[in-house]
N, C-alpha and C. Protein backbone atom coordinates (compact mmCIF):
# COMPACT_ATOMS: atom_id res chain seq x y z
N MET A 1 -50.30 31.32 11.12
CA MET A 1 -51.18 30.86 11.57
C MET A 1 -51.46 30.56 12.56
N GLN A 2 -52.98 29.66 13.14
CA GLN A 2 -53.32 29.83 14.78
C GLN A 2 -53.05 28.25 15.48
N PHE A 3 -52.44 27.49 14.18
CA PHE A 3 -52.34 26.28 14.49
C PHE A 3 -51.79 25.44 13.40
N THR A 4 -51.04 24.41 13.69
CA THR A 4 -50.48 23.43 12.80
C THR A 4 -51.65 22.33 12.89
N TYR A 5 -51.85 21.49 11.42
CA TYR A 5 -52.41 20.24 12.07
C TYR A 5 -52.06 19.40 11.67
N ASP A 6 -52.06 18.23 12.40
CA ASP A 6 -51.42 16.49 12.53
C ASP A 6 -52.32 15.51 13.15
N ASN A 7 -53.41 14.81 12.08
CA ASN A 7 -53.73 13.78 12.67
C ASN A 7 -53.17 12.80 13.71
N LEU A 8 -52.00 13.34 14.08
CA LEU A 8 -51.18 12.25 15.07
C LEU A 8 -51.13 12.93 16.28
N ALA A 9 -51.89 14.30 16.26
CA ALA A 9 -51.43 15.36 17.23
C ALA A 9 -52.34 15.12 18.63
N LYS A 10 -51.61 14.97 19.84
CA LYS A 10 -52.07 13.68 20.56
C LYS A 10 -51.30 13.45 21.49
N ASP A 11 -50.14 12.70 20.40
CA ASP A 11 -49.63 11.85 21.06
C ASP A 11 -48.19 12.28 21.45
N GLU A 12 -47.84 11.36 22.19
CA GLU A 12 -46.73 12.06 23.44
C GLU A 12 -45.47 12.91 22.63
N VAL A 13 -45.46 12.04 21.49
CA VAL A 13 -44.19 11.98 20.33
C VAL A 13 -44.58 12.52 19.10
N LEU A 14 -44.29 13.53 18.22
CA LEU A 14 -44.55 14.11 17.42
C LEU A 14 -43.72 14.13 16.64
N LYS A 15 -43.87 13.55 15.20
CA LYS A 15 -42.63 14.02 13.99
C LYS A 15 -42.99 14.42 12.81
N ILE A 16 -42.53 15.63 13.05
CA ILE A 16 -43.03 16.51 12.02
C ILE A 16 -41.81 16.02 10.70
N GLU A 17 -42.31 16.32 9.09
CA GLU A 17 -41.50 15.87 8.49
C GLU A 17 -42.84 16.74 6.62
N ASN A 18 -41.99 16.25 5.55
CA ASN A 18 -42.61 17.26 4.32
C ASN A 18 -43.49 18.93 4.29
N ASP A 19 -44.79 18.68 4.47
CA ASP A 19 -45.22 20.20 4.16
C ASP A 19 -44.89 20.97 6.05
N ASN A 20 -45.31 20.15 6.83
CA ASN A 20 -45.36 21.11 7.86
C ASN A 20 -43.73 21.06 8.26
N TYR A 21 -42.92 20.19 7.83
CA TYR A 21 -41.48 20.63 8.43
C TYR A 21 -40.78 21.86 7.68
N LYS A 22 -41.52 21.96 6.32
CA LYS A 22 -40.74 22.79 5.14
C LYS A 22 -41.29 24.10 6.49
N HIS A 23 -42.92 24.43 6.39
CA HIS A 23 -43.15 25.67 7.28
C HIS A 23 -42.71 25.20 8.45
N ILE A 24 -42.73 24.68 9.16
CA ILE A 24 -42.52 25.76 10.76
C ILE A 24 -40.78 25.70 10.91
N ILE A 25 -40.08 24.65 10.07
CA ILE A 25 -38.88 24.85 10.46
C ILE A 25 -37.65 26.02 9.43
N LYS A 26 -38.04 25.53 8.03
CA LYS A 26 -37.65 26.63 6.64
C LYS A 26 -38.69 27.88 6.54
N ALA A 27 -39.63 27.85 6.25
CA ALA A 27 -40.45 29.15 6.48
C ALA A 27 -40.08 29.96 7.99
N ARG A 28 -40.79 29.44 8.40
CA ARG A 28 -40.76 30.27 10.05
C ARG A 28 -39.99 30.06 11.49
N ARG A 29 -38.68 29.27 10.58
CA ARG A 29 -37.49 29.65 11.37
C ARG A 29 -37.67 28.86 12.33
N HIS A 30 -38.45 28.53 13.05
CA HIS A 30 -38.69 27.87 14.72
C HIS A 30 -37.22 27.23 15.03
N LYS A 31 -36.78 27.54 16.29
CA LYS A 31 -35.57 26.20 16.86
C LYS A 31 -35.87 25.35 17.72
N VAL A 32 -34.86 24.59 18.34
CA VAL A 32 -35.14 23.63 19.54
C VAL A 32 -36.23 24.68 20.60
N GLY A 33 -36.63 24.29 21.53
CA GLY A 33 -37.06 24.82 22.60
C GLY A 33 -38.93 25.41 22.48
N ASP A 34 -39.06 26.15 21.19
CA ASP A 34 -40.00 26.92 20.88
C ASP A 34 -41.01 25.66 21.06
N ILE A 35 -42.48 26.25 21.71
CA ILE A 35 -43.80 25.74 21.68
C ILE A 35 -44.86 26.30 20.94
N LEU A 36 -45.19 25.21 20.07
CA LEU A 36 -46.14 24.88 18.70
C LEU A 36 -47.33 24.56 18.72
N ALA A 37 -48.17 24.73 18.70
CA ALA A 37 -49.68 24.76 18.79
C ALA A 37 -50.36 23.82 17.86
N PHE A 38 -50.91 22.68 18.27
CA PHE A 38 -51.40 21.21 16.70
C PHE A 38 -52.76 21.31 17.25
N ARG A 39 -53.35 21.09 16.22
CA ARG A 39 -54.84 20.44 16.44
C ARG A 39 -54.93 19.31 15.58
N ASN A 40 -55.58 18.18 16.18
CA ASN A 40 -56.22 16.59 14.89
C ASN A 40 -57.42 17.23 14.21
N LEU A 41 -57.98 17.92 14.77
CA LEU A 41 -59.74 18.70 14.36
C LEU A 41 -60.38 17.23 14.23
N ILE A 42 -60.21 16.25 15.31
CA ILE A 42 -61.14 15.07 15.60
C ILE A 42 -62.08 15.37 16.88
N ASP A 43 -61.10 15.59 17.57
CA ASP A 43 -61.43 16.47 19.13
C ASP A 43 -61.27 17.91 18.88
N LYS A 44 -61.92 18.37 20.33
CA LYS A 44 -62.01 20.06 20.27
C LYS A 44 -60.47 20.64 21.17
N ASN A 45 -59.46 19.75 21.32
CA ASN A 45 -58.49 20.38 22.32
C ASN A 45 -57.33 20.95 21.43
N ILE A 46 -56.26 21.75 21.85
CA ILE A 46 -55.28 22.08 21.19
C ILE A 46 -54.32 21.83 22.05
N TYR A 47 -52.91 20.99 20.90
CA TYR A 47 -51.31 20.64 21.88
C TYR A 47 -51.00 21.48 21.79
N TYR A 48 -50.00 21.74 23.00
CA TYR A 48 -48.73 22.41 22.65
C TYR A 48 -47.67 21.11 22.72
N TYR A 49 -46.69 21.51 21.68
CA TYR A 49 -45.26 20.61 21.08
C TYR A 49 -44.11 21.69 21.73
N GLU A 50 -43.16 21.02 22.15
CA GLU A 50 -41.95 21.60 22.13
C GLU A 50 -40.79 21.18 21.44
N ILE A 51 -40.58 21.62 20.65
CA ILE A 51 -39.25 21.07 19.66
C ILE A 51 -38.12 20.57 20.56
N PHE A 52 -37.56 19.41 20.29
CA PHE A 52 -36.90 18.73 21.44
C PHE A 52 -35.65 18.17 20.29
N SER A 53 -35.56 18.37 19.05
CA SER A 53 -34.72 18.07 17.61
C SER A 53 -35.41 17.99 16.07
N ILE A 54 -33.91 18.74 15.36
CA ILE A 54 -34.15 18.90 13.96
C ILE A 54 -32.86 18.72 13.27
N ASP A 55 -33.74 17.76 12.20
CA ASP A 55 -32.62 17.40 11.47
C ASP A 55 -32.83 18.17 10.14
N LYS A 56 -31.82 17.21 9.44
CA LYS A 56 -32.24 18.35 7.78
C LYS A 56 -33.90 18.25 6.89
N ARG A 57 -34.81 16.77 8.01
CA ARG A 57 -35.56 16.80 7.22
C ARG A 57 -37.27 15.84 7.55
N SER A 58 -36.23 16.20 8.81
CA SER A 58 -37.83 16.27 9.96
C SER A 58 -37.06 16.66 11.28
N ALA A 59 -38.25 16.73 12.13
CA ALA A 59 -37.74 17.63 13.46
C ALA A 59 -39.01 16.57 14.75
N ILE A 60 -38.29 16.63 15.59
CA ILE A 60 -39.41 15.44 17.01
C ILE A 60 -39.33 16.81 17.77
N LEU A 61 -41.10 16.34 18.45
CA LEU A 61 -41.89 17.35 18.98
C LEU A 61 -42.35 16.54 20.56
N LYS A 62 -41.80 17.14 21.19
CA LYS A 62 -42.77 16.19 22.39
C LYS A 62 -43.95 17.27 23.32
N LEU A 63 -45.37 16.59 23.87
CA LEU A 63 -46.31 16.69 23.92
C LEU A 63 -45.92 17.58 25.50
N LYS A 64 -45.75 18.73 25.74
CA LYS A 64 -46.14 19.78 27.22
C LYS A 64 -47.09 20.09 27.62
N SER A 65 -48.47 20.04 26.71
CA SER A 65 -49.51 20.15 27.70
C SER A 65 -50.74 20.35 26.37
N PHE A 66 -52.11 20.27 26.94
CA PHE A 66 -53.34 20.67 26.25
C PHE A 66 -54.47 21.05 26.84
N GLU A 67 -55.53 21.45 26.26
CA GLU A 67 -56.22 22.04 26.96
C GLU A 67 -57.45 21.90 25.52
N GLU A 68 -58.68 22.04 25.92
CA GLU A 68 -59.86 21.76 25.29
C GLU A 68 -60.36 23.34 25.30
N LYS A 69 -60.35 23.48 23.58
CA LYS A 69 -60.63 25.22 23.58
C LYS A 69 -61.44 24.96 22.10
N ILE A 70 -62.55 25.38 22.39
CA ILE A 70 -63.73 25.24 21.11
C ILE A 70 -63.79 26.19 20.28
N ILE A 71 -63.17 26.43 18.82
CA ILE A 71 -63.28 28.38 18.48
C ILE A 71 -64.41 28.05 17.47
N ASP A 72 -65.34 27.97 17.04
CA ASP A 72 -66.35 28.06 16.03
C ASP A 72 -67.51 28.71 16.51
N VAL A 73 -68.44 28.84 15.30
CA VAL A 73 -69.85 29.92 15.33
C VAL A 73 -71.00 29.35 16.54
N LYS A 74 -71.71 30.07 16.96
CA LYS A 74 -72.51 29.51 17.89
C LYS A 74 -73.62 28.72 17.12
N LYS A 75 -73.92 29.59 15.98
CA LYS A 75 -75.26 28.94 15.20
C LYS A 75 -74.58 27.70 13.88
N GLN A 76 -75.38 26.91 13.49
CA GLN A 76 -75.14 25.85 12.82
C GLN A 76 -75.95 26.22 11.48
N LEU A 77 -74.98 26.07 10.74
CA LEU A 77 -75.75 25.97 9.34
C LEU A 77 -75.73 25.20 8.14
N HIS A 78 -76.23 24.37 7.96
CA HIS A 78 -76.73 22.99 7.12
C HIS A 78 -76.54 23.70 5.72
N ILE A 79 -75.67 23.81 4.26
CA ILE A 79 -76.21 24.17 3.38
C ILE A 79 -76.30 23.29 2.29
N GLY A 80 -77.03 23.06 1.08
CA GLY A 80 -77.74 21.59 0.12
C GLY A 80 -77.32 23.08 -1.22
N TRP A 81 -76.10 22.58 -1.47
CA TRP A 81 -75.39 22.96 -2.52
C TRP A 81 -75.81 22.41 -4.37
N CYS A 82 -76.39 22.48 -4.91
CA CYS A 82 -76.87 21.97 -6.01
C CYS A 82 -75.46 22.51 -6.67
N LEU A 83 -75.05 21.31 -7.46
CA LEU A 83 -73.18 21.04 -7.50
C LEU A 83 -73.40 22.31 -8.89
N VAL A 84 -72.15 22.99 -8.65
CA VAL A 84 -71.47 23.09 -9.90
C VAL A 84 -70.43 23.36 -10.03
N ASP A 85 -69.36 23.39 -10.95
CA ASP A 85 -68.00 23.41 -11.23
C ASP A 85 -67.19 23.20 -10.31
N PRO A 86 -66.77 22.10 -10.04
CA PRO A 86 -65.62 21.88 -8.95
C PRO A 86 -64.66 23.20 -8.34
N LYS A 87 -64.44 23.81 -9.34
CA LYS A 87 -62.87 24.36 -9.47
C LYS A 87 -63.64 25.80 -8.40
N THR A 88 -65.00 26.11 -8.95
CA THR A 88 -66.03 27.25 -8.35
C THR A 88 -66.20 27.01 -6.62
N VAL A 89 -66.42 25.10 -6.32
CA VAL A 89 -66.51 25.18 -4.83
C VAL A 89 -64.93 25.19 -3.80
N GLU A 90 -63.94 24.94 -5.14
CA GLU A 90 -63.08 25.20 -4.28
C GLU A 90 -62.55 26.16 -3.97
N LYS A 91 -62.88 26.77 -4.73
CA LYS A 91 -62.35 28.92 -4.11
C LYS A 91 -63.20 28.89 -2.93
N GLU A 92 -64.89 28.75 -3.11
CA GLU A 92 -65.39 29.06 -2.45
C GLU A 92 -65.30 28.69 -0.49
N LEU A 93 -64.53 27.43 -0.84
CA LEU A 93 -64.76 26.13 0.40
C LEU A 93 -64.44 27.27 1.45
N PRO A 94 -63.10 28.06 1.06
CA PRO A 94 -62.56 28.74 2.91
C PRO A 94 -63.06 29.64 3.12
N TYR A 95 -63.37 30.69 2.37
CA TYR A 95 -64.66 31.80 2.76
C TYR A 95 -65.73 31.34 3.44
N LEU A 96 -66.46 29.91 3.30
CA LEU A 96 -67.47 29.33 3.55
C LEU A 96 -67.43 28.82 5.33
N ASN A 97 -65.68 28.07 5.26
CA ASN A 97 -65.36 27.77 6.71
C ASN A 97 -64.80 28.57 7.54
N GLU A 98 -64.57 29.85 6.80
CA GLU A 98 -64.54 30.81 7.82
C GLU A 98 -65.54 31.61 8.61
N LEU A 99 -67.11 31.19 7.47
CA LEU A 99 -67.79 31.76 8.09
C LEU A 99 -68.42 30.96 8.82
N GLY A 100 -68.21 29.96 9.60
CA GLY A 100 -68.83 28.67 9.95
C GLY A 100 -69.89 27.88 9.96
N VAL A 101 -70.25 28.13 8.53
CA VAL A 101 -70.35 26.95 7.89
C VAL A 101 -70.68 25.08 8.46
N LYS A 102 -71.51 24.62 8.86
CA LYS A 102 -71.19 23.45 9.70
C LYS A 102 -71.12 22.72 8.99
N THR A 103 -72.19 21.98 7.68
CA THR A 103 -72.03 21.12 6.88
C THR A 103 -72.47 21.64 5.31
N ILE A 104 -72.08 21.06 4.27
CA ILE A 104 -72.14 21.33 2.79
C ILE A 104 -72.76 19.76 2.31
N THR A 105 -73.94 20.05 1.59
CA THR A 105 -74.27 18.31 1.01
C THR A 105 -74.66 19.27 -0.38
N PHE A 106 -73.59 18.07 -1.69
CA PHE A 106 -73.59 18.58 -2.87
C PHE A 106 -75.21 17.62 -2.79
N ILE A 107 -75.98 18.29 -4.23
CA ILE A 107 -76.67 17.64 -4.54
C ILE A 107 -77.00 18.16 -6.34
N PRO A 108 -77.01 16.99 -6.73
CA PRO A 108 -77.36 16.88 -8.43
C PRO A 108 -78.75 17.31 -8.83
N SER A 109 -78.53 18.63 -9.52
CA SER A 109 -80.44 19.30 -9.83
C SER A 109 -80.65 19.01 -10.99
N ASP A 110 -80.86 19.58 -11.40
CA ASP A 110 -81.89 19.49 -13.26
C ASP A 110 -81.06 20.61 -14.56
N TYR A 111 -80.67 21.44 -13.86
CA TYR A 111 -79.90 22.46 -14.11
C TYR A 111 -78.02 21.98 -13.96
N SER A 112 -77.49 21.14 -12.94
CA SER A 112 -76.53 20.51 -13.15
C SER A 112 -75.85 20.13 -14.11
N GLN A 113 -74.75 20.26 -14.87
CA GLN A 113 -73.92 19.39 -15.69
C GLN A 113 -73.31 18.32 -15.03
N LYS A 114 -73.79 16.83 -16.02
CA LYS A 114 -73.48 15.61 -15.24
C LYS A 114 -72.61 15.05 -14.89
N ASN A 115 -71.47 16.27 -16.19
CA ASN A 115 -70.26 15.38 -16.08
C ASN A 115 -69.20 15.96 -14.85
N PHE A 116 -69.98 16.77 -13.67
CA PHE A 116 -69.35 17.21 -12.79
C PHE A 116 -68.54 16.45 -11.69
N LYS A 117 -67.44 16.05 -10.98
CA LYS A 117 -66.78 15.13 -10.06
C LYS A 117 -66.07 16.11 -9.34
N LEU A 118 -66.60 15.53 -7.98
CA LEU A 118 -65.56 16.82 -6.72
C LEU A 118 -64.73 15.78 -6.12
N ASN A 119 -63.58 16.45 -5.81
CA ASN A 119 -62.82 15.15 -5.43
C ASN A 119 -62.37 16.31 -3.56
N PHE A 120 -63.00 15.14 -2.72
CA PHE A 120 -63.53 15.58 -1.82
C PHE A 120 -62.20 15.56 -0.78
N GLU A 121 -60.78 14.58 -1.22
CA GLU A 121 -59.90 15.13 -0.32
C GLU A 121 -58.97 16.17 -0.34
N LYS A 122 -58.91 16.69 -2.03
CA LYS A 122 -58.58 17.91 -2.39
C LYS A 122 -58.97 19.27 -1.28
N MET A 123 -60.75 18.91 -1.55
CA MET A 123 -61.44 20.11 -0.81
C MET A 123 -61.41 19.77 0.96
N GLN A 124 -60.89 18.57 1.57
CA GLN A 124 -60.62 18.27 2.79
C GLN A 124 -59.49 19.08 3.10
N LYS A 125 -58.57 19.21 2.58
CA LYS A 125 -57.25 20.17 2.71
C LYS A 125 -57.30 21.21 2.77
N ILE A 126 -58.25 21.99 1.56
CA ILE A 126 -58.36 23.55 1.55
C ILE A 126 -58.93 23.36 3.00
N LEU A 127 -60.22 22.96 3.34
CA LEU A 127 -60.69 23.39 4.47
C LEU A 127 -59.64 23.12 5.65
N ILE A 128 -58.81 21.88 5.86
CA ILE A 128 -57.38 22.18 7.09
C ILE A 128 -56.84 23.35 6.78
N ASN A 129 -56.36 23.83 5.48
CA ASN A 129 -55.83 25.14 5.72
C ASN A 129 -56.30 26.45 6.32
N SER A 130 -57.77 26.29 6.06
CA SER A 130 -58.32 27.60 5.93
C SER A 130 -58.82 27.36 7.61
N SER A 131 -58.72 26.53 8.21
CA SER A 131 -59.08 26.32 9.71
C SER A 131 -57.61 26.77 10.40
N GLN A 132 -56.59 26.36 9.65
CA GLN A 132 -55.05 26.66 10.61
C GLN A 132 -55.26 28.05 10.60
N GLN A 133 -55.72 28.45 9.23
CA GLN A 133 -55.42 30.08 9.27
C GLN A 133 -56.53 30.78 10.22
N CYS A 134 -57.66 31.03 10.21
CA CYS A 134 -58.43 31.35 10.84
C CYS A 134 -58.63 31.14 12.21
N GLY A 135 -58.14 30.10 12.77
CA GLY A 135 -58.45 29.11 14.05
C GLY A 135 -59.56 28.53 14.16
N ARG A 136 -60.46 28.51 13.60
CA ARG A 136 -61.40 27.30 13.83
C ARG A 136 -61.21 25.88 14.19
N SER A 137 -61.66 24.92 15.25
CA SER A 137 -61.40 24.51 15.93
C SER A 137 -61.97 23.09 15.12
N SER A 138 -62.56 23.09 13.81
CA SER A 138 -63.49 21.86 13.30
C SER A 138 -63.30 22.64 11.78
N ILE A 139 -63.84 21.57 10.43
CA ILE A 139 -64.37 21.73 9.36
C ILE A 139 -65.23 21.75 9.00
N ILE A 140 -65.40 21.90 7.87
CA ILE A 140 -66.91 21.99 7.42
C ILE A 140 -67.53 20.38 7.18
N ASP A 141 -68.38 19.55 7.41
CA ASP A 141 -68.63 18.32 6.96
C ASP A 141 -69.30 18.74 5.41
N LEU A 142 -68.23 17.80 4.98
CA LEU A 142 -69.29 17.66 3.36
C LEU A 142 -69.72 16.25 2.93
N HIS A 143 -70.71 16.61 2.18
CA HIS A 143 -71.61 15.10 2.09
C HIS A 143 -71.78 15.28 0.56
N ILE A 144 -72.73 14.32 -0.03
CA ILE A 144 -73.46 14.63 -1.75
C ILE A 144 -74.53 13.68 -1.19
N CYS A 145 -75.50 14.49 -1.94
CA CYS A 145 -76.78 13.58 -1.93
C CYS A 145 -77.55 13.33 -3.62
N LYS A 146 -78.16 11.86 -3.52
CA LYS A 146 -78.52 11.41 -4.69
C LYS A 146 -79.29 12.48 -5.79
N SER A 147 -79.95 13.28 -4.63
CA SER A 147 -81.44 14.11 -5.58
C SER A 147 -81.57 15.14 -4.63
N LEU A 148 -82.41 16.16 -5.30
CA LEU A 148 -83.01 17.29 -4.41
C LEU A 148 -84.10 16.42 -3.93
N ASP A 149 -84.52 15.58 -4.62
CA ASP A 149 -86.15 15.44 -3.41
C ASP A 149 -85.24 14.85 -1.97
N GLU A 150 -84.12 14.19 -2.62
CA GLU A 150 -83.96 12.87 -1.51
C GLU A 150 -83.12 14.09 -0.15
N PHE A 151 -82.80 14.83 -1.03
CA PHE A 151 -82.60 16.08 0.41
C PHE A 151 -83.43 16.67 0.98
N ILE A 152 -85.02 17.18 0.31
CA ILE A 152 -85.71 17.53 1.22
C ILE A 152 -86.21 16.57 2.04
N SER A 153 -86.14 15.37 1.63
CA SER A 153 -87.09 14.29 2.42
C SER A 153 -86.16 14.11 3.45
N LEU A 154 -85.13 14.37 3.24
CA LEU A 154 -83.76 13.99 4.71
C LEU A 154 -83.82 15.47 5.58
N ASN A 155 -84.34 16.55 5.08
CA ASN A 155 -84.18 17.90 5.51
C ASN A 155 -85.16 18.54 5.58
N PRO A 156 -86.35 18.13 6.17
CA PRO A 156 -87.96 18.75 5.78
C PRO A 156 -88.18 19.99 6.02
N ASP A 157 -87.37 20.61 7.06
CA ASP A 157 -87.35 22.48 7.08
C ASP A 157 -86.27 23.40 6.31
N SER A 158 -86.34 22.61 5.42
CA SER A 158 -85.03 23.64 4.28
C SER A 158 -85.97 24.58 3.86
N TYR A 159 -84.97 25.83 3.58
CA TYR A 159 -85.43 27.18 2.82
C TYR A 159 -84.65 26.87 1.78
N MET A 160 -85.18 27.60 0.60
CA MET A 160 -84.52 27.90 -0.94
C MET A 160 -84.52 28.95 -0.86
N ILE A 161 -82.67 29.45 -1.68
CA ILE A 161 -82.98 30.58 -2.10
C ILE A 161 -83.82 30.67 -3.49
N ASN A 162 -84.39 31.67 -3.98
CA ASN A 162 -84.78 32.22 -5.04
C ASN A 162 -85.24 33.11 -5.16
N PHE A 163 -85.48 33.80 -6.47
CA PHE A 163 -86.69 34.69 -6.53
C PHE A 163 -87.44 34.81 -5.66
N SER A 164 -87.99 35.61 -4.57
CA SER A 164 -89.24 36.18 -3.78
C SER A 164 -89.47 36.99 -3.02
N ASN A 165 -90.46 37.49 -2.72
CA ASN A 165 -90.83 38.55 -1.96
C ASN A 165 -90.57 38.43 -0.55
N LYS A 166 -90.24 37.22 -0.22
CA LYS A 166 -89.78 36.67 1.53
C LYS A 166 -88.40 36.89 1.28
N ARG A 167 -88.00 37.85 2.34
CA ARG A 167 -86.15 38.16 2.46
C ARG A 167 -85.28 37.12 3.54
N VAL A 168 -84.49 36.81 3.33
CA VAL A 168 -83.23 35.57 3.92
C VAL A 168 -83.87 36.86 5.19
N ASP A 169 -83.38 37.80 5.55
CA ASP A 169 -83.07 38.65 6.76
C ASP A 169 -83.97 38.49 7.46
N ASP A 170 -85.38 37.85 7.14
CA ASP A 170 -86.71 38.05 8.21
C ASP A 170 -86.59 36.44 8.33
N TYR A 171 -85.76 35.55 7.97
CA TYR A 171 -86.12 34.14 8.52
C TYR A 171 -84.55 33.66 9.02
N LYS A 172 -83.69 34.69 9.42
CA LYS A 172 -83.00 34.13 9.04
C LYS A 172 -82.32 33.46 10.38
N ASP A 173 -82.96 33.74 11.38
CA ASP A 173 -83.06 33.35 12.63
C ASP A 173 -83.98 31.55 12.96
N GLU A 174 -84.69 31.64 11.91
CA GLU A 174 -85.40 30.29 11.31
C GLU A 174 -84.79 28.64 10.47
N ILE A 175 -83.33 29.82 9.82
CA ILE A 175 -83.03 29.16 8.67
C ILE A 175 -82.01 28.65 9.32
N LYS A 176 -81.84 27.00 9.64
CA LYS A 176 -81.05 26.04 9.80
C LYS A 176 -79.97 24.94 8.45
N THR A 177 -81.37 25.40 7.76
CA THR A 177 -80.86 24.24 6.09
C THR A 177 -81.29 25.08 4.98
N VAL A 178 -80.45 25.35 4.56
CA VAL A 178 -80.89 25.94 3.23
C VAL A 178 -80.18 25.41 1.91
N ILE A 179 -81.22 25.77 0.73
CA ILE A 179 -80.93 25.26 -1.07
C ILE A 179 -80.28 26.33 -1.68
N ILE A 180 -79.08 26.09 -2.23
CA ILE A 180 -78.41 27.17 -3.08
C ILE A 180 -79.07 26.03 -4.14
N GLY A 181 -78.88 27.57 -5.65
CA GLY A 181 -79.33 26.65 -7.33
C GLY A 181 -77.87 26.46 -7.45
N CYS A 182 -78.07 26.09 -8.92
CA CYS A 182 -76.75 26.02 -9.62
C CYS A 182 -76.86 26.75 -10.89
N GLU A 183 -75.73 26.99 -11.02
CA GLU A 183 -75.63 28.36 -12.08
C GLU A 183 -77.11 27.96 -13.39
N GLY A 184 -77.61 28.92 -13.38
CA GLY A 184 -79.19 28.60 -13.87
C GLY A 184 -79.95 28.54 -13.23
N GLY A 185 -80.13 28.43 -11.64
CA GLY A 185 -81.08 28.30 -10.84
C GLY A 185 -81.56 27.17 -10.39
N PHE A 186 -82.93 27.44 -10.10
CA PHE A 186 -83.45 25.78 -10.35
C PHE A 186 -84.42 26.05 -11.71
N SER A 187 -85.19 24.24 -11.69
CA SER A 187 -85.97 24.67 -12.75
C SER A 187 -87.61 25.06 -11.98
N LYS A 188 -88.32 24.91 -13.10
CA LYS A 188 -89.82 25.09 -12.91
C LYS A 188 -90.40 24.21 -12.02
N ALA A 189 -90.02 22.48 -12.70
CA ALA A 189 -90.13 21.22 -11.48
C ALA A 189 -89.77 21.81 -10.37
N GLU A 190 -88.61 22.08 -10.12
CA GLU A 190 -88.11 22.25 -8.64
C GLU A 190 -88.46 22.97 -8.09
N VAL A 191 -89.12 24.45 -8.47
CA VAL A 191 -89.81 25.59 -7.19
C VAL A 191 -91.15 25.10 -6.79
N GLU A 192 -91.92 24.52 -8.20
CA GLU A 192 -93.20 23.86 -8.24
C GLU A 192 -93.53 23.29 -6.93
N ASN A 193 -91.88 22.10 -7.43
CA ASN A 193 -92.83 21.16 -5.94
C ASN A 193 -92.18 21.64 -4.42
N PHE A 194 -91.48 22.41 -4.55
CA PHE A 194 -90.99 22.85 -3.36
C PHE A 194 -92.14 23.89 -2.34
N ASN A 195 -91.81 23.59 -1.03
CA ASN A 195 -93.20 24.37 -0.46
C ASN A 195 -92.48 25.97 -0.63
N ASP A 196 -93.60 26.41 -1.40
CA ASP A 196 -93.67 27.96 -1.50
C ASP A 196 -93.46 28.87 -0.46
N GLN A 197 -93.77 28.55 1.11
CA GLN A 197 -93.71 29.63 2.01
C GLN A 197 -92.13 29.78 2.90
N LYS A 198 -91.73 28.71 2.04
CA LYS A 198 -90.04 28.46 2.88
C LYS A 198 -89.33 28.75 1.31
N ILE A 199 -90.02 29.40 0.37
CA ILE A 199 -88.65 30.25 -0.77
C ILE A 199 -88.53 31.62 -0.35
N VAL A 200 -87.32 31.98 -0.19
CA VAL A 200 -87.09 33.15 0.31
C VAL A 200 -86.02 33.73 -0.77
N GLY A 201 -85.16 34.98 -0.80
CA GLY A 201 -84.78 36.02 -1.31
C GLY A 201 -84.12 36.70 -0.72
N PHE A 202 -83.39 37.90 -1.61
CA PHE A 202 -82.42 38.84 -1.35
C PHE A 202 -83.09 40.05 -1.75
N SER A 203 -82.69 41.10 -1.17
CA SER A 203 -83.49 42.34 -1.90
C SER A 203 -82.46 42.84 -2.27
N THR A 204 -82.46 42.28 -3.74
CA THR A 204 -81.39 43.15 -4.98
C THR A 204 -81.88 42.72 -6.12
N PRO A 205 -82.17 43.38 -7.15
CA PRO A 205 -82.86 42.83 -8.44
C PRO A 205 -81.90 42.26 -8.98
N LEU A 206 -80.71 42.15 -9.02
CA LEU A 206 -79.88 41.45 -9.85
C LEU A 206 -79.90 40.17 -9.79
N ILE A 207 -79.09 39.79 -10.98
CA ILE A 207 -79.02 37.97 -10.49
C ILE A 207 -77.73 37.30 -10.06
N LEU A 208 -77.32 37.16 -9.19
CA LEU A 208 -76.43 36.49 -8.43
C LEU A 208 -75.84 35.10 -8.85
N LYS A 209 -74.44 34.38 -9.16
CA LYS A 209 -74.00 33.56 -9.22
C LYS A 209 -74.55 32.69 -8.16
N SER A 210 -74.15 31.30 -8.01
CA SER A 210 -74.43 30.52 -7.04
C SER A 210 -73.38 30.61 -6.07
N GLN A 211 -72.28 31.11 -6.36
CA GLN A 211 -70.89 31.16 -5.15
C GLN A 211 -71.48 32.44 -4.73
N THR A 212 -71.86 33.63 -5.33
CA THR A 212 -72.19 34.69 -4.80
C THR A 212 -73.30 34.68 -3.38
N ALA A 213 -74.47 33.92 -4.06
CA ALA A 213 -75.32 33.49 -2.99
C ALA A 213 -74.88 32.42 -2.27
N VAL A 214 -74.27 31.82 -1.81
CA VAL A 214 -73.92 30.83 -0.95
C VAL A 214 -73.24 31.61 -0.29
N SER A 215 -71.83 32.30 -0.63
CA SER A 215 -71.80 33.07 0.61
C SER A 215 -72.55 34.20 1.53
N ALA A 216 -73.47 35.09 0.22
CA ALA A 216 -74.21 36.32 0.77
C ALA A 216 -74.86 35.32 1.79
N VAL A 217 -75.56 34.44 1.52
CA VAL A 217 -76.83 33.47 2.33
C VAL A 217 -76.15 33.12 3.50
N ALA A 218 -74.81 32.54 3.75
CA ALA A 218 -73.73 32.40 5.10
C ALA A 218 -73.55 33.27 5.74
N SER A 219 -73.12 34.66 5.22
CA SER A 219 -72.45 35.72 5.74
C SER A 219 -74.24 36.73 6.76
N LYS A 220 -75.17 36.70 6.13
CA LYS A 220 -76.14 36.61 6.64
C LYS A 220 -77.08 36.32 7.69
N ILE A 221 -76.97 35.17 7.82
CA ILE A 221 -77.35 33.77 8.48
C ILE A 221 -76.12 33.97 9.59
N LEU A 222 -74.88 33.69 9.73
CA LEU A 222 -74.18 33.32 10.81
C LEU A 222 -73.47 34.57 10.98
N ILE A 223 -73.27 35.74 10.66
CA ILE A 223 -72.36 36.71 11.36
C ILE A 223 -73.24 38.15 11.49
């Protein structure tokens, strides 16, 4: 782990317990006097704490120093992801966070199943764990939109990933916001109502799953 997340990181005294205690003291076997890095993922600072005391259920740490340390990709990418199975989303989130995706907005679309319900608290925990591992000084911002029409009205410069002779590679420097379909893709009406000049695709004849497409486009644009 590159750092440990604690929402109270920046306080002069930090008490760790529960999962952080188990990981730092029980698993990693840190001792009194060791210096550990923490982030609160609110500001861009990294905080260095010294372990002051350890008991059976918790440990007390004291702040030694801190510095602003931004670790993130330079380009910002906003993905509008038409709703898919939450399990699929949860599995894909760590990879998208590592790639540096800035924002994901989930969108109900014509082919989305109507009974899907996203657990934002669980997804945030997944993202925090991902940033602890990869060192990113932030996590993906997660949002939900009422409809595809609303998303497009709020993000008029959006591109759509679909079958097209225009390639993502040729527009990757222009794409700031991109819409990915759910399983089954977009309906005929959704495609016809979109600006066809901003529909781009991949140079493959194969049909990609939604989670494959979302990782592929993030990879092409961000790294």
